[in-house]
N, C-alpha and C. Protein backbone atom coordinates (compact mmCIF):
# COMPACT_ATOMS: atom_id res chain seq x y z
N MET A 1 21.25 -32.00 -1.10
CA MET A 1 19.88 -31.97 -1.62
C MET A 1 18.98 -30.89 -1.33
N SER A 2 18.41 -30.08 -2.20
CA SER A 2 17.60 -29.06 -1.80
C SER A 2 16.22 -29.44 -1.32
N LYS A 3 15.61 -28.51 -0.60
CA LYS A 3 14.25 -28.86 -0.13
C LYS A 3 13.27 -29.18 -1.14
N SER A 4 13.40 -28.50 -2.28
CA SER A 4 12.54 -28.74 -3.44
C SER A 4 12.70 -30.14 -3.76
N GLN A 5 13.93 -30.68 -3.82
CA GLN A 5 14.18 -32.03 -4.20
C GLN A 5 13.85 -33.02 -3.31
N ARG A 6 13.70 -32.65 -1.85
CA ARG A 6 13.41 -33.69 -0.88
C ARG A 6 11.72 -33.63 -0.67
N PHE A 7 11.09 -32.53 -0.80
CA PHE A 7 9.79 -32.42 -0.56
C PHE A 7 8.86 -32.35 -1.65
N GLY A 8 9.42 -31.80 -2.87
CA GLY A 8 8.70 -31.58 -4.03
C GLY A 8 8.34 -29.95 -4.09
N ASN A 9 8.18 -29.53 -5.07
CA ASN A 9 7.89 -28.12 -5.26
C ASN A 9 6.94 -27.55 -4.47
N ASP A 10 5.69 -28.10 -4.30
CA ASP A 10 4.65 -27.68 -3.44
C ASP A 10 4.97 -27.42 -2.03
N ASP A 11 5.77 -28.46 -1.50
CA ASP A 11 6.22 -28.49 -0.19
C ASP A 11 7.29 -27.52 -0.15
N ALA A 12 8.09 -27.38 -0.95
CA ALA A 12 9.32 -26.33 -0.82
C ALA A 12 8.67 -24.90 -0.70
N GLN A 13 7.49 -24.62 -1.33
CA GLN A 13 6.90 -23.22 -0.99
C GLN A 13 6.53 -22.98 0.37
N GLU A 14 6.21 -24.06 1.07
CA GLU A 14 5.82 -23.94 2.59
C GLU A 14 6.98 -23.27 3.31
N TYR A 15 8.22 -23.77 2.90
CA TYR A 15 9.40 -23.29 3.83
C TYR A 15 10.06 -22.15 3.16
N GLU A 16 9.64 -21.45 2.12
CA GLU A 16 10.10 -20.36 1.56
C GLU A 16 9.64 -19.14 2.23
N PRO A 17 10.59 -18.19 2.72
CA PRO A 17 10.13 -17.05 3.60
C PRO A 17 9.45 -15.94 2.56
N MET A 18 8.48 -15.47 3.10
CA MET A 18 7.81 -14.43 2.26
C MET A 18 8.49 -13.01 2.57
N ASN A 19 8.58 -12.32 1.40
CA ASN A 19 8.85 -10.86 1.43
C ASN A 19 7.62 -9.95 1.19
N TRP A 20 7.34 -9.06 2.13
CA TRP A 20 5.95 -8.43 2.29
C TRP A 20 6.39 -6.88 1.96
N GLU A 21 5.62 -6.16 1.23
CA GLU A 21 5.60 -4.80 1.09
C GLU A 21 4.47 -4.21 1.87
N VAL A 22 4.96 -3.52 2.91
CA VAL A 22 3.83 -2.82 3.91
C VAL A 22 3.70 -1.35 3.40
N GLU A 23 2.74 -0.96 2.99
CA GLU A 23 2.66 0.46 2.19
C GLU A 23 1.36 1.17 2.50
N GLN A 24 1.45 2.41 2.71
CA GLN A 24 0.34 3.22 2.78
C GLN A 24 0.57 4.49 1.89
N LYS A 25 -0.50 4.81 1.21
CA LYS A 25 -0.24 6.10 0.35
C LYS A 25 -1.41 7.06 0.70
N PHE A 26 -1.23 8.45 0.41
CA PHE A 26 -2.24 9.40 0.78
C PHE A 26 -2.22 10.36 -0.16
N HIS A 27 -3.33 10.85 -0.57
CA HIS A 27 -3.60 11.94 -1.54
C HIS A 27 -3.02 13.31 -0.87
N VAL A 28 -2.42 14.09 -1.65
CA VAL A 28 -1.77 15.37 -1.13
C VAL A 28 -2.44 16.61 -1.90
N ASP A 29 -3.09 17.38 -1.20
CA ASP A 29 -3.76 18.59 -1.68
C ASP A 29 -2.70 19.80 -1.75
N HIS A 30 -1.90 19.77 -0.51
CA HIS A 30 -0.98 20.94 -0.34
C HIS A 30 0.47 20.27 -0.14
N VAL A 31 1.15 20.24 -1.33
CA VAL A 31 2.44 19.59 -1.43
C VAL A 31 3.52 20.21 -0.55
N GLN A 32 3.52 21.52 -0.59
CA GLN A 32 4.64 22.23 0.19
C GLN A 32 4.38 21.98 1.71
N LYS A 33 3.12 21.95 2.15
CA LYS A 33 2.73 21.69 3.60
C LYS A 33 3.29 20.29 4.03
N VAL A 34 3.07 19.25 3.26
CA VAL A 34 3.38 17.97 3.58
C VAL A 34 4.96 17.85 3.43
N GLU A 35 5.58 18.46 2.59
CA GLU A 35 7.12 18.40 2.34
C GLU A 35 7.65 19.03 3.63
N ALA A 36 6.96 20.07 4.11
CA ALA A 36 7.63 20.81 5.36
C ALA A 36 7.43 20.01 6.44
N ARG A 37 6.28 19.20 6.62
CA ARG A 37 6.14 18.21 7.73
C ARG A 37 7.14 17.08 7.68
N LEU A 38 7.51 16.52 6.42
CA LEU A 38 8.38 15.39 6.43
C LEU A 38 9.78 15.93 6.63
N ALA A 39 10.02 17.18 6.24
CA ALA A 39 11.38 17.75 6.59
C ALA A 39 11.64 17.77 8.17
N GLU A 40 10.55 18.09 8.87
CA GLU A 40 10.63 18.10 10.39
C GLU A 40 11.06 16.64 10.91
N PHE A 41 10.82 15.56 10.14
CA PHE A 41 11.21 14.28 10.52
C PHE A 41 12.62 13.84 9.80
N GLY A 42 13.25 14.75 9.33
CA GLY A 42 14.59 14.58 8.58
C GLY A 42 14.58 13.96 7.24
N VAL A 43 13.46 14.03 6.59
CA VAL A 43 13.34 13.54 5.27
C VAL A 43 14.00 14.40 4.24
N ARG A 44 14.72 13.99 3.41
CA ARG A 44 15.25 14.81 2.26
C ARG A 44 15.08 13.95 1.06
N PHE A 45 14.29 14.67 0.02
CA PHE A 45 14.08 13.86 -1.29
C PHE A 45 15.37 14.03 -2.09
N VAL A 46 15.42 13.00 -3.00
CA VAL A 46 16.60 13.06 -4.03
C VAL A 46 15.92 13.40 -5.31
N ALA A 47 16.71 13.57 -6.48
CA ALA A 47 16.24 13.90 -7.76
C ALA A 47 14.97 13.01 -8.12
N ALA A 48 14.30 13.73 -8.88
CA ALA A 48 12.98 13.10 -9.42
C ALA A 48 13.46 12.18 -10.59
N ILE A 49 12.53 11.02 -10.54
CA ILE A 49 12.74 10.07 -11.66
C ILE A 49 11.25 10.00 -12.39
N GLN A 50 11.40 9.56 -13.67
CA GLN A 50 10.21 9.18 -14.31
C GLN A 50 9.95 7.72 -14.46
N GLN A 51 8.80 7.34 -14.20
CA GLN A 51 8.44 5.92 -14.11
C GLN A 51 7.15 5.79 -15.07
N ILE A 52 7.35 4.64 -15.95
CA ILE A 52 6.07 4.30 -16.81
C ILE A 52 5.87 2.89 -16.43
N ASP A 53 4.62 2.65 -15.90
CA ASP A 53 4.24 1.33 -15.44
C ASP A 53 3.11 0.81 -16.36
N HIS A 54 3.36 -0.32 -16.99
CA HIS A 54 2.54 -1.07 -17.95
C HIS A 54 1.84 -2.17 -17.20
N TYR A 55 0.59 -2.38 -16.99
CA TYR A 55 -0.14 -3.39 -16.15
C TYR A 55 -0.72 -4.32 -17.13
N PHE A 56 -0.82 -5.65 -16.63
CA PHE A 56 -1.22 -6.74 -17.44
C PHE A 56 -2.30 -7.65 -16.73
N ASN A 57 -3.36 -8.16 -17.37
CA ASN A 57 -4.19 -9.09 -16.64
C ASN A 57 -3.83 -10.39 -17.11
N HIS A 58 -4.18 -11.28 -16.22
CA HIS A 58 -3.82 -12.88 -16.47
C HIS A 58 -4.85 -13.44 -17.39
N PRO A 59 -4.45 -14.36 -18.20
CA PRO A 59 -5.34 -14.94 -19.20
C PRO A 59 -6.41 -15.94 -18.54
N ALA A 60 -6.19 -16.40 -17.35
CA ALA A 60 -6.98 -17.36 -16.66
C ALA A 60 -7.71 -16.95 -15.60
N ARG A 61 -7.36 -15.74 -15.03
CA ARG A 61 -8.08 -15.10 -13.93
C ARG A 61 -8.07 -13.64 -13.87
N ASP A 62 -9.04 -12.95 -13.36
CA ASP A 62 -9.01 -11.49 -13.50
C ASP A 62 -8.28 -10.83 -12.13
N PHE A 63 -7.11 -10.19 -12.56
CA PHE A 63 -6.39 -9.65 -11.28
C PHE A 63 -7.25 -8.56 -10.76
N GLY A 64 -8.20 -7.86 -11.48
CA GLY A 64 -8.91 -6.99 -10.82
C GLY A 64 -9.88 -7.53 -9.75
N GLN A 65 -10.36 -8.76 -9.83
CA GLN A 65 -11.12 -9.50 -8.97
C GLN A 65 -10.29 -10.13 -7.78
N THR A 66 -9.07 -10.61 -8.11
CA THR A 66 -8.23 -11.27 -7.21
C THR A 66 -7.34 -10.26 -6.35
N ASP A 67 -7.31 -9.07 -6.78
CA ASP A 67 -6.41 -8.09 -6.15
C ASP A 67 -5.00 -8.30 -6.33
N GLU A 68 -4.59 -8.80 -7.47
CA GLU A 68 -3.26 -9.00 -7.80
C GLU A 68 -2.87 -8.05 -8.78
N ALA A 69 -1.59 -7.86 -9.23
CA ALA A 69 -1.03 -7.07 -10.15
C ALA A 69 0.15 -7.55 -10.77
N LEU A 70 0.25 -7.48 -12.01
CA LEU A 70 1.60 -7.75 -12.76
C LEU A 70 1.97 -6.46 -13.63
N ARG A 71 3.17 -5.99 -13.21
CA ARG A 71 3.51 -4.59 -13.70
C ARG A 71 4.88 -4.79 -14.40
N LEU A 72 5.01 -4.14 -15.70
CA LEU A 72 6.18 -3.92 -16.41
C LEU A 72 6.65 -2.40 -16.17
N ARG A 73 7.75 -2.33 -15.57
CA ARG A 73 8.01 -0.72 -15.07
C ARG A 73 9.33 -0.36 -15.91
N GLN A 74 9.31 0.82 -16.34
CA GLN A 74 10.50 1.40 -17.13
C GLN A 74 10.85 2.60 -16.32
N VAL A 75 12.13 2.66 -15.97
CA VAL A 75 12.59 3.93 -15.32
C VAL A 75 13.98 4.16 -16.04
N GLY A 76 13.79 5.21 -16.94
CA GLY A 76 14.81 5.57 -17.87
C GLY A 76 15.19 4.32 -18.71
N GLU A 77 16.31 3.89 -18.76
CA GLU A 77 16.83 2.64 -19.37
C GLU A 77 16.58 1.32 -18.62
N ASP A 78 16.23 1.49 -17.28
CA ASP A 78 16.10 0.30 -16.55
C ASP A 78 14.73 -0.23 -16.71
N ASN A 79 14.61 -1.67 -16.56
CA ASN A 79 13.27 -2.35 -16.64
C ASN A 79 13.15 -3.24 -15.46
N PHE A 80 11.84 -3.38 -14.89
CA PHE A 80 11.58 -4.39 -13.94
C PHE A 80 10.23 -5.07 -14.21
N ILE A 81 10.10 -6.31 -13.77
CA ILE A 81 8.87 -6.96 -13.97
C ILE A 81 8.62 -7.34 -12.51
N THR A 82 7.20 -6.96 -12.12
CA THR A 82 6.76 -7.08 -10.75
C THR A 82 5.40 -7.77 -10.58
N TYR A 83 5.39 -8.73 -9.68
CA TYR A 83 4.06 -9.40 -9.31
C TYR A 83 3.75 -8.83 -7.83
N LYS A 84 2.59 -8.52 -7.70
CA LYS A 84 1.95 -8.14 -6.42
C LYS A 84 0.88 -8.98 -6.18
N GLY A 85 0.89 -9.57 -4.87
CA GLY A 85 -0.31 -10.52 -4.38
C GLY A 85 -1.37 -9.56 -3.82
N PRO A 86 -2.43 -10.27 -3.34
CA PRO A 86 -3.72 -9.56 -2.79
C PRO A 86 -3.19 -8.80 -1.42
N LYS A 87 -3.84 -7.79 -1.17
CA LYS A 87 -3.51 -7.08 0.14
C LYS A 87 -4.20 -7.95 1.04
N ILE A 88 -3.48 -8.04 2.29
CA ILE A 88 -4.05 -8.89 3.30
C ILE A 88 -4.65 -8.30 4.43
N ASP A 89 -4.76 -6.99 4.57
CA ASP A 89 -5.40 -6.44 5.75
C ASP A 89 -6.30 -5.12 5.20
N PRO A 90 -7.37 -4.64 6.05
CA PRO A 90 -8.12 -3.59 5.58
C PRO A 90 -7.70 -2.11 5.76
N THR A 91 -6.51 -1.96 6.39
CA THR A 91 -6.03 -0.60 6.75
C THR A 91 -4.58 -0.27 6.01
N THR A 92 -3.70 -1.19 5.76
CA THR A 92 -2.59 -0.87 4.93
C THR A 92 -2.64 -1.59 3.64
N LYS A 93 -1.76 -1.38 2.64
CA LYS A 93 -1.67 -2.08 1.51
C LYS A 93 -0.55 -3.16 1.54
N THR A 94 -0.59 -3.91 2.69
CA THR A 94 0.35 -5.04 2.90
C THR A 94 0.11 -6.13 1.89
N ARG A 95 1.20 -6.48 1.03
CA ARG A 95 0.98 -7.62 0.05
C ARG A 95 2.33 -8.20 -0.16
N ARG A 96 2.40 -9.37 -0.64
CA ARG A 96 3.59 -9.91 -1.12
C ARG A 96 4.10 -9.38 -2.38
N GLU A 97 5.32 -9.09 -2.62
CA GLU A 97 5.94 -8.44 -3.91
C GLU A 97 7.19 -9.22 -4.24
N LEU A 98 6.99 -9.48 -5.64
CA LEU A 98 8.31 -10.19 -6.14
C LEU A 98 8.65 -9.34 -7.43
N GLU A 99 9.85 -8.83 -7.35
CA GLU A 99 10.39 -7.79 -8.39
C GLU A 99 11.65 -8.36 -8.94
N LEU A 100 11.77 -8.50 -10.22
CA LEU A 100 13.00 -8.96 -10.90
C LEU A 100 13.50 -7.83 -11.93
N PRO A 101 14.62 -7.66 -11.94
CA PRO A 101 15.26 -6.68 -13.03
C PRO A 101 15.44 -7.43 -14.31
N LEU A 102 15.22 -6.54 -15.42
CA LEU A 102 15.27 -7.00 -16.74
C LEU A 102 16.38 -6.39 -17.22
N PRO A 103 17.00 -6.84 -18.57
CA PRO A 103 17.95 -6.06 -19.28
C PRO A 103 17.54 -4.64 -19.52
N LYS A 104 18.55 -3.74 -19.74
CA LYS A 104 18.24 -2.30 -19.93
C LYS A 104 17.75 -1.96 -21.30
N GLY A 105 17.05 -0.84 -21.48
CA GLY A 105 16.62 -0.41 -22.82
C GLY A 105 15.20 -0.65 -23.24
N ALA A 106 14.68 0.45 -23.87
CA ALA A 106 13.22 0.38 -24.28
C ALA A 106 12.84 -0.80 -25.09
N LYS A 107 13.82 -1.26 -25.87
CA LYS A 107 13.53 -2.48 -26.76
C LYS A 107 13.25 -3.72 -25.73
N THR A 108 13.92 -3.81 -24.60
CA THR A 108 13.60 -4.94 -23.85
C THR A 108 12.17 -4.85 -23.25
N SER A 109 11.77 -3.63 -22.88
CA SER A 109 10.40 -3.60 -22.50
C SER A 109 9.27 -3.93 -23.50
N ASP A 110 9.77 -3.51 -24.70
CA ASP A 110 8.74 -3.84 -25.85
C ASP A 110 8.76 -5.40 -26.06
N GLN A 111 9.83 -5.92 -26.02
CA GLN A 111 10.01 -7.49 -26.26
C GLN A 111 9.24 -8.26 -25.22
N PHE A 112 9.48 -7.72 -23.92
CA PHE A 112 8.86 -8.51 -22.86
C PHE A 112 7.32 -8.38 -22.87
N ALA A 113 6.84 -7.10 -23.23
CA ALA A 113 5.36 -6.90 -23.48
C ALA A 113 4.77 -7.83 -24.55
N THR A 114 5.55 -7.94 -25.55
CA THR A 114 5.15 -8.90 -26.73
C THR A 114 5.15 -10.42 -26.25
N LEU A 115 6.17 -10.73 -25.34
CA LEU A 115 5.99 -12.15 -24.82
C LEU A 115 4.89 -12.38 -24.06
N LEU A 116 4.67 -11.43 -23.12
CA LEU A 116 3.39 -11.46 -22.13
C LEU A 116 2.17 -11.59 -23.02
N ALA A 117 2.00 -10.82 -24.16
CA ALA A 117 0.81 -10.93 -25.01
C ALA A 117 0.85 -12.38 -25.61
N ALA A 118 1.89 -12.75 -26.13
CA ALA A 118 1.98 -14.10 -26.76
C ALA A 118 1.52 -15.24 -25.76
N LEU A 119 1.76 -15.03 -24.36
CA LEU A 119 1.36 -16.00 -23.47
C LEU A 119 -0.12 -15.78 -22.99
N GLY A 120 -0.88 -14.73 -23.62
CA GLY A 120 -2.31 -14.58 -23.27
C GLY A 120 -2.55 -13.45 -22.26
N PHE A 121 -1.51 -12.78 -21.70
CA PHE A 121 -1.70 -11.74 -20.82
C PHE A 121 -2.23 -10.46 -21.70
N ARG A 122 -2.97 -9.71 -21.12
CA ARG A 122 -3.71 -8.66 -21.76
C ARG A 122 -3.23 -7.24 -21.19
N ALA A 123 -2.81 -6.44 -21.90
CA ALA A 123 -2.43 -5.07 -21.33
C ALA A 123 -3.78 -4.30 -20.97
N VAL A 124 -3.67 -3.77 -19.76
CA VAL A 124 -5.00 -3.14 -19.19
C VAL A 124 -4.76 -1.67 -18.84
N GLY A 125 -3.65 -1.15 -18.98
CA GLY A 125 -3.35 0.19 -18.68
C GLY A 125 -1.97 0.70 -18.42
N THR A 126 -1.76 1.90 -18.61
CA THR A 126 -0.30 2.52 -18.35
C THR A 126 -0.44 3.61 -17.35
N VAL A 127 0.39 3.63 -16.43
CA VAL A 127 0.48 4.64 -15.37
C VAL A 127 1.80 5.43 -15.64
N ARG A 128 1.74 6.73 -15.83
CA ARG A 128 2.97 7.50 -16.02
C ARG A 128 3.08 8.56 -14.77
N LYS A 129 4.26 8.65 -14.18
CA LYS A 129 4.43 9.45 -12.93
C LYS A 129 5.86 9.87 -12.79
N THR A 130 5.87 11.13 -12.27
CA THR A 130 7.12 11.65 -11.72
C THR A 130 7.17 11.45 -10.29
N ARG A 131 8.28 10.63 -9.69
CA ARG A 131 8.44 10.21 -8.47
C ARG A 131 9.75 10.87 -7.85
N ARG A 132 9.64 11.46 -6.63
CA ARG A 132 10.80 11.99 -5.91
C ARG A 132 10.98 11.06 -4.69
N PRO A 133 11.95 10.19 -4.62
CA PRO A 133 12.13 9.31 -3.65
C PRO A 133 12.78 9.86 -2.42
N GLY A 134 12.36 9.41 -1.25
CA GLY A 134 13.00 9.87 0.04
C GLY A 134 13.28 8.79 1.04
N LYS A 135 13.88 8.98 2.12
CA LYS A 135 14.26 7.93 3.15
C LYS A 135 13.91 8.55 4.50
N LEU A 136 13.64 7.51 5.39
CA LEU A 136 13.42 7.95 6.84
C LEU A 136 13.50 6.82 7.67
N VAL A 137 14.24 6.91 8.88
CA VAL A 137 14.28 5.89 9.85
C VAL A 137 13.20 6.16 10.99
N TRP A 138 12.30 5.17 11.21
CA TRP A 138 11.20 5.42 12.11
C TRP A 138 11.02 4.24 12.97
N GLU A 139 11.25 4.29 14.25
CA GLU A 139 11.20 3.11 15.22
C GLU A 139 12.06 1.86 14.76
N GLY A 140 13.24 2.23 14.25
CA GLY A 140 14.15 1.27 13.81
C GLY A 140 13.94 0.75 12.44
N HIS A 141 12.91 1.07 11.75
CA HIS A 141 12.56 0.81 10.40
C HIS A 141 13.09 1.78 9.36
N HIS A 142 13.58 1.24 8.35
CA HIS A 142 13.94 1.97 7.11
C HIS A 142 12.76 2.18 6.21
N VAL A 143 12.32 3.39 6.26
CA VAL A 143 11.05 3.70 5.54
C VAL A 143 11.44 4.32 4.20
N GLU A 144 10.99 3.79 3.14
CA GLU A 144 11.00 4.23 1.66
C GLU A 144 9.81 5.25 1.51
N LEU A 145 10.15 6.53 1.07
CA LEU A 145 9.14 7.49 0.82
C LEU A 145 9.16 7.85 -0.61
N ALA A 146 8.05 8.27 -1.10
CA ALA A 146 7.87 8.78 -2.42
C ALA A 146 6.78 9.81 -2.63
N MET A 147 7.23 10.90 -3.22
CA MET A 147 6.15 12.00 -3.67
C MET A 147 5.91 11.74 -5.10
N ASP A 148 4.71 11.33 -5.37
CA ASP A 148 4.24 10.88 -6.70
C ASP A 148 3.41 11.97 -7.45
N ASP A 149 3.74 12.35 -8.53
CA ASP A 149 2.88 13.19 -9.38
C ASP A 149 2.36 12.40 -10.51
N VAL A 150 1.11 11.88 -10.39
CA VAL A 150 0.69 10.89 -11.38
C VAL A 150 -0.31 11.55 -12.42
N GLU A 151 0.10 11.35 -13.68
CA GLU A 151 -0.71 11.92 -14.71
C GLU A 151 -2.11 11.46 -14.70
N GLY A 152 -3.04 12.49 -14.72
CA GLY A 152 -4.43 12.07 -14.66
C GLY A 152 -5.03 11.63 -13.22
N VAL A 153 -4.34 11.57 -12.30
CA VAL A 153 -4.69 11.22 -11.02
C VAL A 153 -4.44 12.10 -9.94
N GLY A 154 -3.25 12.70 -9.78
CA GLY A 154 -2.95 13.77 -8.80
C GLY A 154 -1.54 13.39 -8.11
N THR A 155 -1.50 14.17 -6.92
CA THR A 155 -0.18 14.03 -6.33
C THR A 155 -0.40 13.09 -4.87
N PHE A 156 0.45 12.23 -4.73
CA PHE A 156 0.35 11.28 -3.48
C PHE A 156 1.75 11.21 -2.84
N VAL A 157 1.73 10.90 -1.48
CA VAL A 157 2.93 10.48 -0.88
C VAL A 157 2.71 8.99 -0.42
N GLU A 158 3.80 8.22 -0.60
CA GLU A 158 3.76 6.80 -0.34
C GLU A 158 4.71 6.55 0.67
N LEU A 159 4.26 5.75 1.77
CA LEU A 159 5.27 5.23 2.76
C LEU A 159 5.40 3.66 2.66
N GLU A 160 6.69 3.26 2.72
CA GLU A 160 6.74 1.74 2.58
C GLU A 160 7.75 1.14 3.45
N ILE A 161 7.60 0.09 4.11
CA ILE A 161 8.58 -0.80 4.73
C ILE A 161 8.54 -2.07 4.27
N SER A 162 9.70 -2.66 3.94
CA SER A 162 10.00 -4.04 3.56
C SER A 162 9.94 -5.00 4.78
N ALA A 163 9.28 -6.03 4.75
CA ALA A 163 9.21 -6.79 6.11
C ALA A 163 9.22 -8.42 5.72
N SER A 164 9.72 -9.17 6.83
CA SER A 164 9.66 -10.62 6.58
C SER A 164 8.36 -11.12 7.41
N ASP A 165 8.23 -12.44 7.31
CA ASP A 165 7.08 -12.97 8.01
C ASP A 165 7.28 -12.60 9.53
N GLU A 166 8.50 -12.74 10.02
CA GLU A 166 8.71 -12.32 11.48
C GLU A 166 8.40 -10.95 11.88
N THR A 167 8.77 -10.04 10.99
CA THR A 167 8.67 -8.57 11.43
C THR A 167 7.41 -7.94 10.70
N LEU A 168 6.46 -8.67 10.10
CA LEU A 168 5.35 -8.07 9.31
C LEU A 168 4.55 -7.22 10.36
N SER A 169 4.08 -7.82 11.49
CA SER A 169 2.99 -7.23 12.42
C SER A 169 3.83 -5.84 12.97
N VAL A 170 4.94 -5.91 13.32
CA VAL A 170 5.63 -4.87 13.74
C VAL A 170 5.79 -3.75 12.82
N ALA A 171 6.12 -4.02 11.62
CA ALA A 171 6.29 -3.07 10.57
C ALA A 171 4.95 -2.45 10.23
N LYS A 172 3.73 -3.22 10.25
CA LYS A 172 2.56 -2.55 10.04
C LYS A 172 2.15 -1.59 11.03
N ALA A 173 2.47 -1.89 12.27
CA ALA A 173 2.01 -0.92 13.36
C ALA A 173 2.98 0.15 13.37
N ALA A 174 4.19 0.03 13.04
CA ALA A 174 5.12 1.24 12.87
C ALA A 174 4.78 2.25 11.84
N LEU A 175 4.24 1.64 10.58
CA LEU A 175 3.92 2.40 9.46
C LEU A 175 2.58 3.21 9.84
N GLU A 176 1.57 2.49 10.41
CA GLU A 176 0.49 3.26 10.91
C GLU A 176 0.72 4.29 11.87
N ALA A 177 1.66 4.23 12.81
CA ALA A 177 1.99 5.19 13.82
C ALA A 177 2.68 6.43 13.13
N LEU A 178 3.58 6.10 12.07
CA LEU A 178 4.16 7.12 11.40
C LEU A 178 3.21 8.04 10.66
N SER A 179 2.23 7.37 9.96
CA SER A 179 1.28 8.23 9.13
C SER A 179 0.43 9.07 10.01
N GLN A 180 0.15 8.49 11.25
CA GLN A 180 -0.63 9.33 12.22
C GLN A 180 0.14 10.52 12.69
N ARG A 181 1.34 10.32 12.94
CA ARG A 181 2.35 11.41 13.47
C ARG A 181 2.53 12.38 12.28
N LEU A 182 2.46 12.01 10.96
CA LEU A 182 2.70 12.98 10.05
C LEU A 182 1.44 13.79 9.67
N GLY A 183 0.22 13.42 10.16
CA GLY A 183 -1.04 13.90 10.03
C GLY A 183 -1.47 13.81 8.49
N LEU A 184 -1.29 12.62 7.97
CA LEU A 184 -1.58 12.53 6.47
C LEU A 184 -3.05 12.21 6.22
N GLY A 185 -3.86 11.86 7.19
CA GLY A 185 -5.21 11.74 6.87
C GLY A 185 -5.47 10.26 6.56
N SER A 186 -6.59 10.17 5.90
CA SER A 186 -7.01 8.80 5.41
C SER A 186 -6.20 8.20 4.25
N SER A 187 -5.80 7.08 4.44
CA SER A 187 -5.02 6.35 3.27
C SER A 187 -5.86 6.01 2.11
N GLU A 188 -5.21 5.84 0.91
CA GLU A 188 -5.92 5.54 -0.32
C GLU A 188 -5.42 3.98 -0.62
N ARG A 189 -6.33 3.20 -0.48
CA ARG A 189 -6.12 1.76 -0.91
C ARG A 189 -6.14 1.37 -2.29
N ARG A 190 -6.76 2.16 -3.12
CA ARG A 190 -6.82 1.79 -4.57
C ARG A 190 -5.46 2.09 -5.26
N SER A 191 -5.20 1.25 -6.20
CA SER A 191 -3.92 1.39 -7.03
C SER A 191 -4.09 2.77 -8.02
N TYR A 192 -2.92 3.13 -8.41
CA TYR A 192 -2.92 4.25 -9.29
C TYR A 192 -3.71 3.94 -10.71
N LEU A 193 -3.55 2.65 -11.03
CA LEU A 193 -4.38 2.06 -12.19
C LEU A 193 -5.82 2.15 -11.95
N GLU A 194 -6.37 1.78 -10.75
CA GLU A 194 -7.72 1.86 -10.39
C GLU A 194 -8.23 3.42 -10.51
N LEU A 195 -7.46 4.18 -9.82
CA LEU A 195 -7.72 5.64 -9.79
C LEU A 195 -7.81 6.30 -11.26
N LEU A 196 -6.91 5.88 -12.12
CA LEU A 196 -6.82 6.47 -13.54
C LEU A 196 -8.01 5.95 -14.15
N HIS A 197 -8.38 4.70 -14.01
CA HIS A 197 -9.70 4.16 -14.62
C HIS A 197 -10.84 4.79 -14.16
N LYS A 198 -10.92 5.01 -12.82
CA LYS A 198 -12.20 5.84 -12.30
C LYS A 198 -12.21 7.17 -12.82
N ASN A 199 -11.05 7.90 -12.96
CA ASN A 199 -11.11 9.36 -13.42
C ASN A 199 -11.41 9.44 -14.97
N SER A 200 -11.24 8.33 -15.64
CA SER A 200 -11.53 8.33 -17.16
C SER A 200 -12.75 8.10 -17.50
N LEU A 201 -13.76 7.53 -16.44
CA LEU A 201 -14.99 7.22 -16.66
C LEU A 201 -15.83 8.58 -17.01
């Protein structure tokens, strides 16, 4: 018998481990300088990919107020639906993330967007970017990096560590130490969608 059967769905959630996305991103004025600094740490970027992110607001609560996000992402023929919970601290962008793959193809993205609209979700914006992913091992953590050129926003470097409940505090400390060693300056906590809306005013 599963925990959900023994305790009910609400109690089962209490025992479900959290997956956390510990992230920081930084605006980049001098791309080549930042790339050279990352290379000193052994980072090598792979081929660039194009990402199109469609964001939706909840019909019963304002994600802009609750600091949540629902994103439908297209990467070539691949599609993903992602929920991001509220950020939990004032320095990093640590938040719960749930991401599920969807069937391939542009038609799938259109169909899923239609489904969300039928359920009352409202499209609030689209972010288009060219991303160059990279990787780095830092203090025993596998760090996912990305150099993002975002239409209408600018260029940013993102650092991310995936963590469990048990490793969350250590991952946060490691990411903050890495950003300081890289000399990236102050982090940007606003999302690309928020920055895009700000720049369009």
